[in-house]
Amino acid sequence: MPGGKPDFDIGKTLAETSKLFSSHLVDEFHFYSYAKAYWLQHVFCISEQEPVIYDLLCRLFKDNAVNTNATDEDGWTPLLLATRNGHEAVVKLLLDSDIVDVDSKDGEGRTPLLWAAENGHEAVVKLLLDKGAKLESEDSDGRTPLWCAAEKGHEAVVKLLLNKGAKPEYKDL
């Protein structure tokens, strides 16, 4: 180590160590890839029924211990998952963190507002609109949240979207 400088590449050393560690995890834990890709979906399925898990999720989001804008293989963010499934408390928690993209899109261009509207989650739609979600966002097929809510017969959501200024013009898809 002449001149006080190390005679090795620290970046390369860290990368090789990381590869060994990851490889070891995959060998020892056969479901590692699945768990890495889908852990959040499982958390959302049980988080509201299990206070301990919900409390942990709250701490992780508040401490920024997890990337709330991370996506899985299909482009799903935590906010997209929570809005699709109508998890009002989780949506509120994510929106209150002020670090989520309220207009994030999945692999088909669908936003959290579109998912909440299509599935009739009125309270979630209101939360998203209060945080500035775009009313007229379109998915890859040109459908808007209003179009999806109307197609599925969610009258309360349709009224809410119209009252907030959604444009009711028919669009032939």
Protein backbone atom coordinates (compact mmCIF):
# COMPACT_ATOMS: atom_id res chain seq x y z
CA MET A 1 0.00 0.00 0.00
CA PRO A 2 2.51 2.64 -1.18
CA GLY A 3 1.49 6.25 -0.62
CA GLY A 4 -1.37 5.23 1.69
CA LYS A 5 -3.57 4.01 -1.17
CA PRO A 6 -5.00 0.49 -1.22
CA ASP A 7 -3.72 -1.72 -4.01
CA PHE A 8 -7.13 -3.26 -4.71
CA ASP A 9 -10.40 -2.10 -6.25
CA ILE A 10 -12.90 -1.66 -3.40
CA GLY A 11 -15.85 -1.50 -5.82
CA LYS A 12 -14.88 -4.79 -7.42
CA THR A 13 -14.39 -6.40 -4.00
CA LEU A 14 -17.82 -5.27 -2.81
CA ALA A 15 -19.48 -6.43 -6.04
CA GLU A 16 -17.88 -9.88 -5.78
CA THR A 17 -18.88 -10.18 -2.12
CA SER A 18 -22.43 -9.19 -2.99
CA LYS A 19 -22.56 -11.83 -5.75
CA LEU A 20 -21.36 -14.52 -3.36
CA PHE A 21 -23.91 -13.49 -0.75
CA SER A 22 -26.78 -13.38 -3.26
CA SER A 23 -25.77 -16.69 -4.79
CA HIS A 24 -25.59 -18.24 -1.31
CA LEU A 25 -29.10 -16.95 -0.52
CA VAL A 26 -30.55 -18.43 -3.70
CA ASP A 27 -28.87 -21.78 -3.02
CA GLU A 28 -29.97 -21.92 0.61
CA PHE A 29 -33.44 -20.41 0.19
CA HIS A 30 -35.07 -21.79 -2.94
CA PHE A 31 -37.94 -19.30 -2.87
CA TYR A 32 -35.66 -16.24 -2.56
CA SER A 33 -36.47 -14.91 -6.05
CA TYR A 34 -40.19 -15.33 -5.48
CA ALA A 35 -40.03 -13.71 -2.03
CA LYS A 36 -38.01 -10.80 -3.39
CA ALA A 37 -40.54 -10.17 -6.16
CA TYR A 38 -43.82 -10.73 -4.30
CA TRP A 39 -43.28 -10.02 -0.58
CA LEU A 40 -45.24 -6.80 -0.75
CA GLN A 41 -48.32 -8.42 -2.28
CA HIS A 42 -48.42 -10.89 0.59
CA VAL A 43 -48.02 -8.11 3.16
CA PHE A 44 -50.99 -6.25 1.68
CA CYS A 45 -53.15 -9.37 1.80
CA ILE A 46 -52.78 -9.64 5.56
CA SER A 47 -51.64 -6.22 6.77
CA GLU A 48 -55.05 -4.85 7.72
CA GLN A 49 -56.08 -8.02 9.54
CA GLU A 50 -52.84 -8.35 11.52
CA PRO A 51 -52.05 -5.25 13.62
CA VAL A 52 -48.45 -6.34 14.25
CA ILE A 53 -47.72 -6.57 10.52
CA TYR A 54 -49.52 -3.31 9.84
CA ASP A 55 -47.50 -1.56 12.59
CA LEU A 56 -44.27 -2.91 11.10
CA LEU A 57 -45.33 -1.71 7.66
CA CYS A 58 -46.07 1.74 9.13
CA ARG A 59 -42.60 1.94 10.64
CA LEU A 60 -40.90 0.76 7.44
CA PHE A 61 -42.69 3.38 5.35
CA LYS A 62 -42.25 6.20 7.87
CA ASP A 63 -38.54 5.46 8.34
CA ASN A 64 -38.06 5.19 4.56
CA ALA A 65 -36.65 1.72 5.14
CA VAL A 66 -38.31 0.48 1.95
CA ASN A 67 -38.43 2.08 -1.46
CA THR A 68 -42.10 3.02 -1.77
CA ASN A 69 -41.72 3.59 -5.51
CA ALA A 70 -40.02 0.27 -6.21
CA THR A 71 -41.68 -1.93 -8.80
CA ASP A 72 -42.03 -5.66 -9.16
CA GLU A 73 -41.57 -7.58 -12.43
CA ASP A 74 -44.94 -6.32 -13.69
CA GLY A 75 -44.36 -2.66 -12.85
CA TRP A 76 -46.47 -2.70 -9.68
CA THR A 77 -45.61 -0.21 -6.94
CA PRO A 78 -46.84 -0.52 -3.34
CA LEU A 79 -49.36 2.25 -4.05
CA LEU A 80 -50.72 0.46 -7.12
CA LEU A 81 -51.19 -2.75 -5.14
CA ALA A 82 -52.87 -1.01 -2.23
CA THR A 83 -55.26 0.99 -4.43
CA ARG A 84 -56.24 -1.97 -6.58
CA ASN A 85 -57.18 -3.92 -3.48
CA GLY A 86 -58.85 -1.03 -1.66
CA HIS A 87 -56.50 -0.98 1.34
CA GLU A 88 -57.53 2.49 2.48
CA ALA A 89 -55.29 2.57 5.57
CA VAL A 90 -52.20 1.50 3.58
CA VAL A 91 -52.98 3.99 0.80
CA LYS A 92 -53.27 6.77 3.39
CA LEU A 93 -50.01 5.69 4.99
CA LEU A 94 -48.20 5.73 1.64
CA LEU A 95 -49.68 9.06 0.58
CA ASP A 96 -48.82 10.64 3.94
CA SER A 97 -45.18 9.68 3.41
CA ASP A 98 -45.11 12.28 0.59
CA ILE A 99 -42.52 10.26 -1.31
CA VAL A 100 -44.77 8.11 -3.50
CA ASP A 101 -45.65 8.93 -7.07
CA VAL A 102 -49.43 9.32 -6.94
CA ASP A 103 -49.58 8.90 -10.72
CA SER A 104 -47.24 5.91 -11.05
CA LYS A 105 -48.18 3.47 -13.79
CA ASP A 106 -48.09 -0.30 -14.04
CA GLY A 107 -46.99 -2.18 -17.15
CA GLU A 108 -50.30 -1.36 -18.87
CA GLY A 109 -50.20 2.34 -18.08
CA ARG A 110 -52.79 2.08 -15.31
CA THR A 111 -52.53 4.55 -12.42
CA PRO A 112 -53.56 4.07 -8.79
CA LEU A 113 -56.61 6.28 -9.45
CA LEU A 114 -57.68 4.14 -12.39
CA TRP A 115 -57.37 0.94 -10.32
CA ALA A 116 -59.28 2.39 -7.38
CA ALA A 117 -62.02 3.74 -9.66
CA GLU A 118 -62.38 0.51 -11.61
CA ASN A 119 -62.71 -1.50 -8.42
CA GLY A 120 -65.18 0.90 -6.79
CA HIS A 121 -62.98 1.95 -3.87
CA GLU A 122 -64.59 5.36 -3.29
CA ALA A 123 -62.62 6.27 -0.14
CA VAL A 124 -59.34 5.43 -1.88
CA VAL A 125 -60.35 7.48 -4.95
CA LYS A 126 -61.00 10.45 -2.65
CA LEU A 127 -57.61 10.06 -0.95
CA LEU A 128 -55.84 9.98 -4.31
CA LEU A 129 -57.71 13.01 -5.64
CA ASP A 130 -56.96 14.94 -2.45
CA LYS A 131 -53.25 14.24 -3.09
CA GLY A 132 -53.48 15.58 -6.65
CA ALA A 133 -53.90 12.44 -8.76
CA LYS A 134 -54.58 13.27 -12.41
CA LEU A 135 -58.27 12.85 -13.23
CA GLU A 136 -57.76 12.29 -16.94
CA SER A 137 -54.83 9.86 -16.91
CA GLU A 138 -55.26 7.17 -19.56
CA ASP A 139 -54.03 3.60 -19.63
CA SER A 140 -52.47 2.02 -22.72
CA ASP A 141 -55.99 1.38 -24.11
CA GLY A 142 -57.06 5.02 -23.66
CA ARG A 143 -59.36 4.35 -20.68
CA THR A 144 -59.69 6.96 -17.93
CA PRO A 145 -60.67 6.42 -14.29
CA LEU A 146 -64.17 7.76 -15.08
CA TRP A 147 -64.54 5.37 -18.01
CA CYS A 148 -63.48 2.38 -15.88
CA ALA A 149 -65.75 3.29 -12.96
CA ALA A 150 -68.72 3.77 -15.29
CA GLU A 151 -68.03 0.53 -17.15
CA LYS A 152 -68.06 -1.40 -13.86
CA GLY A 153 -71.18 0.38 -12.57
CA HIS A 154 -69.58 2.13 -9.59
CA GLU A 155 -72.08 5.00 -9.37
CA ALA A 156 -70.64 6.64 -6.23
CA VAL A 157 -67.16 6.73 -7.76
CA VAL A 158 -68.52 8.10 -11.05
CA LYS A 159 -70.31 10.91 -9.16
CA LEU A 160 -67.17 11.69 -7.15
CA LEU A 161 -65.01 11.87 -10.29
CA LEU A 162 -67.55 14.07 -12.09
CA ASN A 163 -67.82 16.39 -9.06
CA LYS A 164 -64.02 16.72 -9.08
CA GLY A 165 -64.06 17.75 -12.76
CA ALA A 166 -63.62 14.55 -14.77
CA LYS A 167 -64.68 15.03 -18.38
CA PRO A 168 -67.64 12.81 -19.29
CA GLU A 169 -67.13 12.93 -23.07
CA TYR A 170 -67.54 9.48 -24.56
CA LYS A 171 -64.48 8.04 -26.20
CA ASP A 172 -64.92 5.13 -28.60
CA LEU A 173 -62.34 2.57 -27.58
